Amino acid sequence: MSETMIRPETKTLVLHPDDNIAVALANLDAGTSTPQGTITAKRVPKGHKFTLRLVHSGEAIIKFGQIIGFAKQDIAAGDWVHEHNCGMGGADGTLKHDYAFSEGAIAPEMIPLGQRATFEGYRRPNGSVGTRNYVGILTSVNCSATVAKFIAEGINRSGILDDYPEIDGVVPFVHGTGCGMESRGEGFDILKRTQWGYSSNPNLGAAMLVGLGCEVFQIGRMKEMYGIKESDHFQTMTIQESGGTKKIIEWGIERMKEMLPVAGRARRETVDASELTLALQCGGSDGYSGITANPALGYAADILVRNGGTAILSETPEIYGAEHLLTRRAVNREVGEKLISRIHWWEDYTKRNHGEMNNNPSPGNKLGGLTTILEKSLGATAKGGTTPLTAVYEYAEKVKEKGFVFMDTPGFDPVSATGQVAGGANILCFTTGRGSAYGCKPVPSIKLATNSDMYNRMQGDMDINCGDIVEGVSIEDKGRQIFDLILKVASGEHTKSEDLGYGDNEFVPWQVGAVM
């Protein structure tokens, strides 16, 4: 692949020969002459767009060589393009894509065994590999959340963890559901997969599941469904059977003390990078996301796939309008059609809830230069690199295929990442342009800044600055830098969000269905 660079002296950027807009890399006053020979008609904020020529009403607005919207009115050459003059629908109110299933699926050149990258990870008894060694306390229902927190606090404050330097901490994973819901169907299945997915995530050395006892989400039922037997690294209990709050806290702390030696025996060893499952996330996106951090992360994801690893792209509302680029990469038609079926599910879901897919770009996204969900999605999809799409999973399903895969999740970052971790992700990369504050215990989250201004303001939160791509660094070099940091973090190096203590409150299972 050729080195992709942006000349640092350029203050505007055209991303594709077919584009009829350019991106401002600095604040451009009205009357500014651009390298493309256009004079700006209005002030164009940094990260925003302006037309290169007259765009007629109803005409497609093109960025990345793809449709990001349609002109609501005639837009003069050099005019600022944003919500006031760019909308989602075409002249007939529709936008159609050619899915071209599997036409662009080209197998990557894999790195041979023995030459692959390695990291220092925790090999679990079932063969999976963790990048961290936490002990988790999960809850079957909101009613047991306080008890789980008290048990975790009792252990963390006792000083006993000083005797187990290999344990990263005891974390309560609490949530707001588990009852007042159907005992079957989508909502129940999602919670079931999420709970067992976290309990069995390779970044947990041991896990405890605490319930109330009378809730809809019964622990015994989950154990029966998955054939789970209690052991020295997985225990369950309920408040009602244990004799109340004080007794279960005391009992929980004692049982947790019995589990700590089991988790504490884990030791890091050199393992193949194929054992990494990388969650790809973006949040607080801006006009730079699809130009800098997202394609650089995509390049790093390609390196991981070539090393035999797995990369999970998610956030279905944020690939909407770019799904045709992924169906081309599907290894077969079945995989591509499964992706489209999830897109159709979301169209119906938003309609039933009186919303629309274009509601997704947040006020911060728009302030940062993103106008429609189509534009946001084209930039977000770049995180997935270029390798074939090998599988499509529903929320929190266990990821079994290697390579580049997709998991259906909402675009809301904590909910999306929770599904990815439940699916088996053991490391996460998170790109942000506005400056998202986020962590993801038990999985380390590497924060990638899309622009230098935000990076300089929030260096205490950001791990890598990708904004220097518009200052001359190549996407390929930045991608290699990201991959190198992935290996270091997987081996135990802390991320900024870990040092800040983020991750205790970011366990947010997706709630689908009626609350009763």
Protein backbone atom coordinates (compact mmCIF):
# COMPACT_ATOMS: atom_id res chain seq x y z
CA MET A 1 0.00 0.00 0.00
CA SER A 2 1.37 3.42 -0.90
CA GLU A 3 2.13 5.97 1.80
CA THR A 4 -0.86 8.29 2.20
CA MET A 5 0.20 11.81 3.18
CA ILE A 6 -1.38 15.25 3.37
CA ARG A 7 0.92 18.18 2.64
CA PRO A 8 1.23 20.21 5.87
CA GLU A 9 0.99 23.55 4.01
CA THR A 10 -2.46 22.65 2.63
CA LYS A 11 -5.33 24.41 4.44
CA THR A 12 -8.03 22.57 2.50
CA LEU A 13 -8.42 18.97 1.47
CA VAL A 14 -10.25 17.16 -1.34
CA LEU A 15 -10.56 13.51 -0.36
CA HIS A 16 -11.54 11.97 -3.73
CA PRO A 17 -11.42 13.08 -7.38
CA ASP A 18 -15.23 12.76 -7.62
CA ASP A 19 -15.89 15.06 -4.64
CA ASN A 20 -17.72 18.33 -5.17
CA ILE A 21 -16.82 19.61 -1.71
CA ALA A 22 -13.55 20.21 0.12
CA VAL A 23 -12.72 20.12 3.85
CA ALA A 24 -11.30 23.16 5.65
CA LEU A 25 -8.20 22.29 7.72
CA ALA A 26 -8.25 25.75 9.30
CA ASN A 27 -10.89 28.41 9.88
CA LEU A 28 -11.41 30.06 6.50
CA ASP A 29 -12.79 33.59 6.35
CA ALA A 30 -15.15 34.64 3.57
CA GLY A 31 -13.17 35.60 0.50
CA THR A 32 -10.33 33.13 1.10
CA SER A 33 -8.70 31.78 -2.06
CA THR A 34 -8.24 28.01 -1.86
CA PRO A 35 -5.70 25.75 -3.63
CA GLN A 36 -8.61 24.34 -5.64
CA GLY A 37 -9.20 27.72 -7.24
CA THR A 38 -12.38 28.42 -5.26
CA ILE A 39 -13.04 31.56 -3.23
CA THR A 40 -15.02 30.95 -0.04
CA ALA A 41 -18.40 32.70 -0.07
CA LYS A 42 -18.87 32.50 3.71
CA ARG A 43 -16.76 31.70 6.76
CA VAL A 44 -16.02 27.97 6.88
CA PRO A 45 -15.11 26.58 10.33
CA LYS A 46 -12.21 24.17 10.72
CA GLY A 47 -13.27 20.60 9.92
CA HIS A 48 -16.32 21.75 7.95
CA LYS A 49 -17.01 21.63 4.19
CA PHE A 50 -17.39 24.04 1.29
CA THR A 51 -18.43 23.51 -2.32
CA LEU A 52 -15.90 23.43 -5.14
CA ARG A 53 -18.52 24.43 -7.72
CA LEU A 54 -22.19 25.26 -7.99
CA VAL A 55 -24.26 22.38 -6.62
CA HIS A 56 -27.85 22.43 -7.81
CA SER A 57 -30.86 21.83 -5.60
CA GLY A 58 -31.48 18.08 -5.26
CA GLU A 59 -27.97 17.22 -6.47
CA ALA A 60 -25.86 14.73 -4.49
CA ILE A 61 -23.13 16.15 -2.29
CA ILE A 62 -20.04 13.96 -2.61
CA LYS A 63 -17.28 13.37 -0.03
CA PHE A 64 -14.91 10.36 0.05
CA GLY A 65 -16.28 9.72 -3.46
CA GLN A 66 -19.62 8.80 -1.83
CA ILE A 67 -22.97 10.50 -1.27
CA ILE A 68 -23.20 12.24 2.12
CA GLY A 69 -26.46 14.08 1.37
CA PHE A 70 -28.36 16.16 -1.14
CA ALA A 71 -28.53 19.91 -1.64
CA LYS A 72 -31.69 21.45 -0.18
CA GLN A 73 -31.21 24.45 -2.48
CA ASP A 74 -28.70 25.72 -5.02
CA ILE A 75 -25.33 26.02 -3.26
CA ALA A 76 -22.91 28.47 -4.83
CA ALA A 77 -19.25 27.64 -5.37
CA GLY A 78 -17.25 28.28 -2.20
CA ASP A 79 -20.29 28.22 0.09
CA TRP A 80 -20.27 26.53 3.50
CA VAL A 81 -22.07 23.17 3.42
CA HIS A 82 -23.94 22.06 6.54
CA GLU A 83 -27.43 21.33 7.91
CA HIS A 84 -28.94 24.52 6.52
CA ASN A 85 -28.36 23.46 2.91
CA CYS A 86 -27.59 19.69 3.01
CA GLY A 87 -30.15 17.00 3.85
CA MET A 88 -30.45 13.23 3.76
CA GLY A 89 -32.99 12.56 1.03
CA GLY A 90 -32.43 12.70 -2.71
CA ALA A 91 -34.69 14.54 -5.10
CA ASP A 92 -37.21 11.69 -4.72
CA GLY A 93 -36.61 11.34 -0.97
CA THR A 94 -34.68 8.09 -1.28
CA LEU A 95 -31.11 6.90 -1.32
CA LYS A 96 -30.34 3.50 -2.83
CA HIS A 97 -27.05 1.60 -2.82
CA ASP A 98 -25.74 -1.30 -4.89
CA TYR A 99 -24.66 -3.89 -2.31
CA ALA A 100 -22.50 -5.84 -4.80
CA PHE A 101 -22.18 -8.73 -2.35
CA SER A 102 -18.64 -10.11 -2.05
CA GLU A 103 -17.36 -8.42 -5.21
CA GLY A 104 -14.53 -6.69 -3.34
CA ALA A 105 -13.56 -9.42 -0.85
CA ILE A 106 -9.83 -9.88 -1.36
CA ALA A 107 -8.03 -12.20 1.05
CA PRO A 108 -5.22 -10.42 2.92
CA GLU A 109 -1.62 -11.58 2.78
CA MET A 110 -1.30 -13.35 6.12
CA ILE A 111 1.88 -13.23 8.19
CA PRO A 112 3.22 -16.78 8.65
CA LEU A 113 3.31 -18.48 12.03
CA GLY A 114 6.60 -17.80 13.75
CA GLN A 115 6.82 -14.34 12.19
CA ARG A 116 3.74 -12.88 13.82
CA ALA A 117 3.77 -10.12 16.41
CA THR A 118 3.51 -11.21 20.05
CA PHE A 119 2.41 -9.80 23.39
CA GLU A 120 2.49 -10.84 27.05
CA GLY A 121 -0.95 -12.15 28.00
CA TYR A 122 -2.75 -14.33 30.53
CA ARG A 123 -3.50 -17.80 29.16
CA ARG A 124 -6.75 -19.08 30.69
CA PRO A 125 -7.63 -22.73 31.38
CA ASN A 126 -10.04 -22.77 28.40
CA GLY A 127 -7.28 -21.56 26.04
CA SER A 128 -8.42 -17.95 25.69
CA VAL A 129 -5.98 -15.13 26.46
CA GLY A 130 -6.55 -12.02 28.56
CA THR A 131 -4.76 -8.70 28.49
CA ARG A 132 -5.85 -7.86 32.05
CA ASN A 133 -6.59 -9.91 35.17
CA TYR A 134 -9.61 -8.48 36.96
CA VAL A 135 -12.09 -10.17 39.27
CA GLY A 136 -15.68 -9.22 38.40
CA ILE A 137 -18.87 -9.06 40.43
CA LEU A 138 -21.89 -9.07 38.12
CA THR A 139 -25.53 -8.57 39.03
CA SER A 140 -28.58 -10.33 37.63
CA VAL A 141 -30.81 -7.36 38.44
CA ASN A 142 -30.62 -3.71 39.51
CA CYS A 143 -31.87 -4.76 42.97
CA SER A 144 -28.52 -6.43 43.74
CA ALA A 145 -26.35 -3.59 42.41
CA THR A 146 -25.73 -1.99 45.80
CA VAL A 147 -24.71 -5.30 47.35
CA ALA A 148 -22.25 -5.97 44.51
CA LYS A 149 -20.69 -2.53 45.01
CA PHE A 150 -20.36 -3.08 48.76
CA ILE A 151 -18.67 -6.46 48.26
CA ALA A 152 -16.20 -4.94 45.80
CA GLU A 153 -15.52 -1.97 48.08
CA GLY A 154 -14.96 -4.32 51.00
CA ILE A 155 -12.25 -6.17 49.08
CA ASN A 156 -10.63 -3.13 47.44
CA ARG A 157 -10.41 -1.21 50.75
CA SER A 158 -9.21 -4.14 52.83
CA GLY A 159 -5.66 -4.12 51.48
CA ILE A 160 -5.83 -7.82 50.68
CA LEU A 161 -5.15 -7.15 47.00
CA ASP A 162 -1.62 -6.12 47.97
CA ASP A 163 -0.99 -9.86 48.36
CA TYR A 164 -2.02 -10.46 44.74
CA PRO A 165 -0.01 -8.14 42.47
CA GLU A 166 -1.23 -9.96 39.36
CA ILE A 167 -4.85 -8.93 40.03
CA ASP A 168 -5.79 -5.57 38.52
CA GLY A 169 -8.74 -5.05 40.86
CA VAL A 170 -12.23 -6.20 41.82
CA VAL A 171 -14.91 -4.51 39.70
CA PRO A 172 -18.70 -4.46 40.23
CA PHE A 173 -20.50 -4.60 36.87
CA VAL A 174 -23.95 -3.29 37.75
CA HIS A 175 -26.86 -2.30 35.52
CA GLY A 176 -30.44 -1.02 35.63
CA THR A 177 -32.47 -3.93 34.33
CA GLY A 178 -33.07 -7.66 34.98
CA CYS A 179 -36.70 -7.36 36.03
CA GLY A 180 -39.86 -5.67 34.75
CA MET A 181 -39.09 -7.32 31.42
CA GLU A 182 -40.22 -10.27 29.31
CA SER A 183 -38.73 -13.61 30.34
CA ARG A 184 -38.10 -14.46 26.69
CA GLY A 185 -37.40 -12.62 23.46
CA GLU A 186 -34.79 -10.11 22.29
CA GLY A 187 -34.35 -8.18 25.53
CA PHE A 188 -33.93 -11.26 27.68
CA ASP A 189 -31.59 -12.94 25.21
CA ILE A 190 -29.39 -9.84 25.02
CA LEU A 191 -29.04 -9.64 28.80
CA LYS A 192 -28.35 -13.37 29.03
CA ARG A 193 -25.58 -13.17 26.41
CA THR A 194 -24.11 -10.05 27.99
CA GLN A 195 -23.97 -11.51 31.50
CA TRP A 196 -22.35 -14.77 30.49
CA GLY A 197 -20.11 -12.98 27.98
CA TYR A 198 -18.66 -10.78 30.70
CA SER A 199 -18.40 -13.65 33.17
CA SER A 200 -16.34 -15.62 30.65
CA ASN A 201 -14.35 -12.72 29.15
CA PRO A 202 -10.64 -13.66 29.19
CA ASN A 203 -9.79 -10.43 31.05
CA LEU A 204 -11.54 -11.78 34.17
CA GLY A 205 -9.56 -14.22 36.26
CA ALA A 206 -12.65 -15.00 38.34
CA ALA A 207 -16.27 -13.84 38.51
CA MET A 208 -19.18 -13.75 40.94
CA LEU A 209 -22.83 -13.25 39.96
CA VAL A 210 -25.13 -11.73 42.60
CA GLY A 211 -28.94 -11.63 42.39
CA LEU A 212 -31.94 -10.73 44.51
CA GLY A 213 -33.79 -14.01 44.02
CA CYS A 214 -37.25 -13.16 42.68
CA GLU A 215 -36.28 -11.24 39.53
CA VAL A 216 -37.21 -12.15 35.95
CA PHE A 217 -33.59 -12.81 35.03
CA GLN A 218 -33.01 -15.93 37.10
CA ILE A 219 -29.40 -16.95 37.69
CA GLY A 220 -30.34 -20.63 37.77
CA ARG A 221 -31.98 -20.36 34.37
CA MET A 222 -28.87 -18.79 32.85
CA LYS A 223 -26.66 -21.50 34.35
CA GLU A 224 -28.94 -24.16 32.91
CA MET A 225 -28.98 -22.54 29.45
CA TYR A 226 -25.18 -22.41 29.24
CA GLY A 227 -24.43 -25.59 31.17
CA ILE A 228 -22.54 -23.57 33.80
CA LYS A 229 -21.23 -25.26 36.93
CA GLU A 230 -19.92 -23.29 39.88
CA SER A 231 -16.20 -23.57 40.49
CA ASP A 232 -13.31 -21.85 42.22
CA HIS A 233 -13.38 -19.13 39.55
CA PHE A 234 -17.19 -18.69 39.16
CA GLN A 235 -19.64 -18.37 42.05
CA THR A 236 -23.29 -17.22 42.38
CA MET A 237 -25.52 -16.12 45.28
CA THR A 238 -28.77 -14.27 45.95
CA ILE A 239 -29.74 -11.81 48.67
CA GLN A 240 -32.95 -13.61 49.60
CA GLU A 241 -31.33 -17.04 49.96
CA SER A 242 -28.36 -15.60 51.88
CA GLY A 243 -30.48 -14.01 54.59
CA GLY A 244 -30.49 -10.35 53.61
CA THR A 245 -28.16 -7.51 52.80
CA LYS A 246 -25.68 -7.63 55.67
CA LYS A 247 -25.29 -11.39 55.54
CA ILE A 248 -24.72 -11.53 51.78
CA ILE A 249 -22.13 -8.75 51.94
CA GLU A 250 -20.23 -10.60 54.67
CA TRP A 251 -20.61 -13.93 52.85
CA GLY A 252 -19.71 -12.37 49.51
CA ILE A 253 -16.51 -10.85 50.87
CA GLU A 254 -15.48 -14.18 52.39
CA ARG A 255 -16.21 -16.11 49.20
CA MET A 256 -14.38 -13.48 47.19
CA LYS A 257 -11.33 -13.91 49.42
CA GLU A 258 -11.42 -17.60 48.51
CA MET A 259 -11.47 -16.73 44.78
CA LEU A 260 -8.60 -14.24 44.86
CA PRO A 261 -5.83 -16.88 45.10
CA VAL A 262 -7.25 -18.54 41.99
CA ALA A 263 -7.10 -15.34 39.95
CA GLY A 264 -3.80 -14.37 41.57
CA ARG A 265 -2.03 -17.46 40.22
CA ALA A 266 -2.24 -16.12 36.66
CA ARG A 267 1.06 -15.07 35.08
CA ARG A 268 1.77 -13.33 31.78
CA GLU A 269 3.40 -15.34 29.03
CA THR A 270 4.40 -14.64 25.43
CA VAL A 271 1.52 -15.34 23.07
CA ASP A 272 0.72 -14.78 19.41
CA ALA A 273 -1.06 -11.57 18.34
CA SER A 274 -3.76 -13.84 16.86
CA GLU A 275 -5.09 -14.05 20.44
CA LEU A 276 -6.11 -10.38 20.35
CA THR A 277 -9.73 -9.44 19.73
CA LEU A 278 -9.86 -5.69 19.15
CA ALA A 279 -13.04 -3.67 19.72
CA LEU A 280 -13.24 -0.68 17.35
CA GLN A 281 -15.09 2.33 18.74
CA CYS A 282 -15.54 6.03 17.94
CA GLY A 283 -17.30 8.69 19.97
CA GLY A 284 -17.52 12.45 19.93
CA SER A 285 -16.65 12.30 16.22
CA ASP A 286 -15.82 15.38 14.17
CA GLY A 287 -14.92 16.37 10.61
CA TYR A 288 -11.43 14.94 11.08
CA SER A 289 -12.51 11.48 12.27
CA GLY A 290 -12.87 10.00 8.78
CA ILE A 291 -9.65 11.68 7.62
CA THR A 292 -7.17 10.91 10.40
CA ALA A 293 -7.85 8.58 13.35
CA ASN A 294 -10.43 6.26 11.79
CA PRO A 295 -8.44 5.31 8.67
CA ALA A 296 -5.27 5.02 10.79
CA LEU A 297 -7.08 2.67 13.18
CA GLY A 298 -8.35 0.79 10.13
CA TYR A 299 -4.75 0.33 8.98
CA ALA A 300 -3.85 -1.01 12.45
CA ALA A 301 -6.85 -3.37 12.29
CA ASP A 302 -5.57 -4.67 8.94
CA ILE A 303 -2.17 -5.39 10.53
CA LEU A 304 -3.88 -7.30 13.34
CA VAL A 305 -5.95 -9.35 10.89
CA ARG A 306 -2.80 -10.19 8.91
CA ASN A 307 -1.32 -11.42 12.20
CA GLY A 308 -4.27 -13.78 12.64
CA GLY A 309 -6.22 -11.59 15.08
CA THR A 310 -9.76 -10.28 15.15
CA ALA A 311 -11.18 -6.77 14.82
CA ILE A 312 -14.83 -6.01 15.68
CA LEU A 313 -16.57 -3.09 13.99
CA SER A 314 -19.92 -2.17 15.55
CA GLU A 315 -22.37 0.73 16.02
CA THR A 316 -24.88 -0.18 13.31
CA PRO A 317 -26.51 3.29 13.19
CA GLU A 318 -23.04 4.62 12.40
CA ILE A 319 -22.46 2.46 9.33
CA TYR A 320 -25.89 3.43 7.96
CA GLY A 321 -25.30 4.79 4.46
CA ALA A 322 -21.93 3.05 4.23
CA GLU A 323 -23.13 -0.54 4.51
CA HIS A 324 -22.67 -1.03 0.76
CA LEU A 325 -18.91 -0.68 1.29
CA LEU A 326 -18.99 -3.56 3.79
CA THR A 327 -21.23 -5.88 1.77
CA ARG A 328 -18.67 -5.72 -1.04
CA ARG A 329 -16.11 -7.09 1.42
CA ALA A 330 -18.31 -9.91 2.75
CA VAL A 331 -16.71 -13.33 2.30
CA ASN A 332 -20.01 -14.59 0.91
CA ARG A 333 -23.52 -13.37 0.15
CA GLU A 334 -24.93 -14.85 3.37
CA VAL A 335 -22.65 -12.67 5.51
CA GLY A 336 -23.52 -9.58 3.47
CA GLU A 337 -27.25 -10.23 3.64
CA LYS A 338 -27.07 -10.73 7.41
CA LEU A 339 -25.59 -7.24 7.69
CA ILE A 340 -28.39 -5.77 5.59
CA SER A 341 -30.99 -7.58 7.70
CA ARG A 342 -29.64 -5.75 10.75
CA ILE A 343 -29.83 -2.45 8.88
CA HIS A 344 -33.50 -3.16 8.10
CA TRP A 345 -34.10 -4.06 11.77
CA TRP A 346 -32.75 -0.65 12.77
CA GLU A 347 -34.92 1.15 10.23
CA ASP A 348 -37.97 -0.55 11.74
CA TYR A 349 -36.73 -0.03 15.32
CA THR A 350 -36.28 3.72 14.90
CA LYS A 351 -39.63 4.03 13.11
CA ARG A 352 -41.42 2.19 15.94
CA ASN A 353 -39.84 4.57 18.43
CA HIS A 354 -40.72 7.67 16.39
CA GLY A 355 -37.13 8.40 15.43
CA GLU A 356 -35.01 8.28 12.30
CA MET A 357 -31.50 7.11 11.48
CA ASN A 358 -30.37 10.66 10.76
CA ASN A 359 -31.02 11.55 14.42
CA ASN A 360 -27.68 9.90 15.21
CA PRO A 361 -25.20 12.78 14.69
CA SER A 362 -25.07 14.58 18.04
CA PRO A 363 -24.83 18.37 18.52
CA GLY A 364 -21.12 17.89 19.17
CA ASN A 365 -20.69 15.88 15.96
CA LYS A 366 -22.36 18.68 14.01
CA LEU A 367 -20.33 21.40 15.68
CA GLY A 368 -17.24 19.43 14.68
CA GLY A 369 -18.24 19.42 11.01
CA LEU A 370 -20.41 16.33 10.46
CA THR A 371 -23.72 17.06 8.75
CA THR A 372 -25.60 13.80 8.10
CA ILE A 373 -25.45 10.21 9.31
CA LEU A 374 -24.24 9.28 5.82
CA GLU A 375 -21.14 11.43 6.26
CA LYS A 376 -20.58 10.20 9.80
CA SER A 377 -20.97 6.57 8.74
CA LEU A 378 -18.51 6.82 5.85
CA GLY A 379 -15.88 8.10 8.27
CA ALA A 380 -16.77 5.60 11.00
CA THR A 381 -16.58 2.61 8.64
CA ALA A 382 -12.93 3.47 7.94
CA LYS A 383 -12.09 1.98 11.37
CA GLY A 384 -12.74 -1.43 9.83
CA GLY A 385 -9.79 -1.27 7.44
CA THR A 386 -9.86 -3.12 4.13
CA THR A 387 -9.86 -6.87 4.79
CA PRO A 388 -12.81 -9.20 4.05
CA LEU A 389 -15.84 -9.21 6.37
CA THR A 390 -15.84 -12.75 7.73
CA ALA A 391 -18.94 -12.74 10.00
CA VAL A 392 -21.84 -10.65 11.34
CA TYR A 393 -22.93 -11.12 14.95
CA GLU A 394 -25.91 -10.00 16.98
CA TYR A 395 -25.33 -8.00 20.15
CA ALA A 396 -23.10 -9.75 22.72
CA GLU A 397 -22.85 -12.96 20.69
CA LYS A 398 -19.57 -14.82 21.22
CA VAL A 399 -17.18 -13.89 18.41
CA LYS A 400 -15.72 -17.10 16.99
CA GLU A 401 -14.50 -16.13 13.50
CA LYS A 402 -11.05 -14.64 13.05
CA GLY A 403 -10.40 -11.60 10.89
CA PHE A 404 -12.59 -8.54 10.43
CA VAL A 405 -16.13 -9.03 11.81
CA PHE A 406 -19.17 -6.89 12.54
CA MET A 407 -21.36 -6.88 15.66
CA ASP A 408 -24.80 -5.25 15.65
CA THR A 409 -24.90 -2.66 18.45
CA PRO A 410 -26.33 0.81 19.07
CA GLY A 411 -24.10 3.79 18.37
CA PHE A 412 -24.08 4.83 22.05
CA ASP A 413 -20.50 4.03 23.01
CA PRO A 414 -20.89 2.40 26.46
CA VAL A 415 -23.72 0.16 25.20
CA SER A 416 -21.81 -0.72 22.04
CA ALA A 417 -18.56 -1.54 23.81
CA THR A 418 -20.42 -3.61 26.41
CA GLY A 419 -21.65 -5.85 23.59
CA GLN A 420 -18.16 -6.15 22.12
CA VAL A 421 -16.61 -7.10 25.47
CA ALA A 422 -19.37 -9.65 26.05
CA GLY A 423 -18.47 -11.03 22.62
CA GLY A 424 -14.89 -11.62 23.77
CA ALA A 425 -12.95 -8.41 23.01
CA ASN A 426 -9.84 -8.19 25.18
CA ILE A 427 -8.61 -4.76 24.01
CA LEU A 428 -10.31 -1.65 22.63
CA CYS A 429 -9.34 1.39 20.53
CA PHE A 430 -11.55 4.47 20.73
CA THR A 431 -11.23 7.40 18.32
CA THR A 432 -12.60 10.80 19.29
CA GLY A 433 -12.62 14.30 17.83
CA ARG A 434 -14.54 16.21 20.49
CA GLY A 435 -12.79 14.51 23.39
CA SER A 436 -14.82 11.61 24.82
CA ALA A 437 -14.05 10.63 28.41
CA TYR A 438 -14.28 6.85 28.52
CA GLY A 439 -12.82 3.69 29.97
CA CYS A 440 -13.93 0.06 29.73
CA LYS A 441 -13.02 -2.30 32.55
CA PRO A 442 -12.09 -5.10 32.25
CA VAL A 443 -10.77 -4.14 28.80
CA PRO A 444 -8.12 -1.41 28.38
CA SER A 445 -9.28 1.45 26.13
CA ILE A 446 -6.72 3.23 23.93
CA LYS A 447 -7.91 6.77 23.12
CA LEU A 448 -7.00 8.18 19.70
CA ALA A 449 -7.42 11.93 19.10
CA THR A 450 -8.52 12.92 15.60
CA ASN A 451 -7.15 16.49 15.77
CA SER A 452 -4.17 18.18 17.40
CA ASP A 453 -6.16 20.99 19.03
CA MET A 454 -8.21 18.61 21.15
CA TYR A 455 -5.21 16.38 21.83
CA ASN A 456 -3.25 19.33 23.20
CA ARG A 457 -6.18 20.34 25.43
CA MET A 458 -6.80 16.79 26.71
CA GLN A 459 -3.40 15.08 26.72
CA GLY A 460 -4.25 13.58 30.11
CA ASP A 461 -7.03 11.56 28.43
CA MET A 462 -5.56 10.80 25.00
CA ASP A 463 -3.02 8.06 24.24
CA ILE A 464 -2.15 8.95 20.63
CA ASN A 465 -2.56 12.10 18.55
CA CYS A 466 -3.71 11.30 15.01
CA GLY A 467 -4.18 14.97 14.18
CA ASP A 468 -0.62 15.12 12.88
CA ILE A 469 -1.82 13.20 9.82
CA VAL A 470 -3.02 16.54 8.41
CA GLU A 471 0.42 17.91 9.29
CA GLY A 472 2.31 15.39 7.16
CA VAL A 473 2.41 12.04 8.99
CA SER A 474 1.18 9.17 6.80
CA ILE A 475 -1.88 7.09 7.68
CA GLU A 476 0.30 3.99 7.38
CA ASP A 477 2.91 5.26 9.85
CA LYS A 478 0.19 6.26 12.30
CA GLY A 479 -1.48 2.87 11.89
CA ARG A 480 1.79 1.13 12.72
CA GLN A 481 2.16 3.37 15.79
CA ILE A 482 -1.34 2.39 16.92
CA PHE A 483 -0.64 -1.32 16.41
CA ASP A 484 2.62 -1.07 18.39
CA LEU A 485 0.74 0.55 21.27
CA ILE A 486 -1.95 -2.15 21.10
CA LEU A 487 0.75 -4.76 21.73
CA LYS A 488 2.27 -2.75 24.60
CA VAL A 489 -1.10 -2.19 26.27
CA ALA A 490 -2.05 -5.84 25.76
CA SER A 491 1.19 -6.68 27.58
CA GLY A 492 0.27 -4.55 30.60
CA GLU A 493 1.17 -0.93 29.80
CA HIS A 494 -1.55 1.31 31.18
CA THR A 495 -3.72 3.59 29.06
CA LYS A 496 -4.61 7.12 30.14
CA SER A 497 -8.19 6.09 30.96
CA GLU A 498 -6.90 3.29 33.20
CA ASP A 499 -4.64 5.68 35.09
CA LEU A 500 -7.60 8.05 35.54
CA GLY A 501 -9.72 5.23 36.95
CA TYR A 502 -12.37 5.08 34.23
CA GLY A 503 -14.31 1.88 33.58
CA ASP A 504 -16.36 1.15 36.71
CA ASN A 505 -19.55 2.74 35.34
CA GLU A 506 -19.32 1.87 31.65
CA PHE A 507 -21.00 -1.54 31.81
CA VAL A 508 -24.30 -0.72 30.05
CA PRO A 509 -26.19 -3.69 28.54
CA TRP A 510 -28.50 -2.79 25.67
CA GLN A 511 -32.14 -2.64 26.82
CA VAL A 512 -34.56 -3.65 24.08
CA GLY A 513 -38.26 -4.13 24.64
CA ALA A 514 -40.94 -2.94 27.01
CA VAL A 515 -40.26 -2.10 30.64
CA MET A 516 -43.21 -3.49 32.57
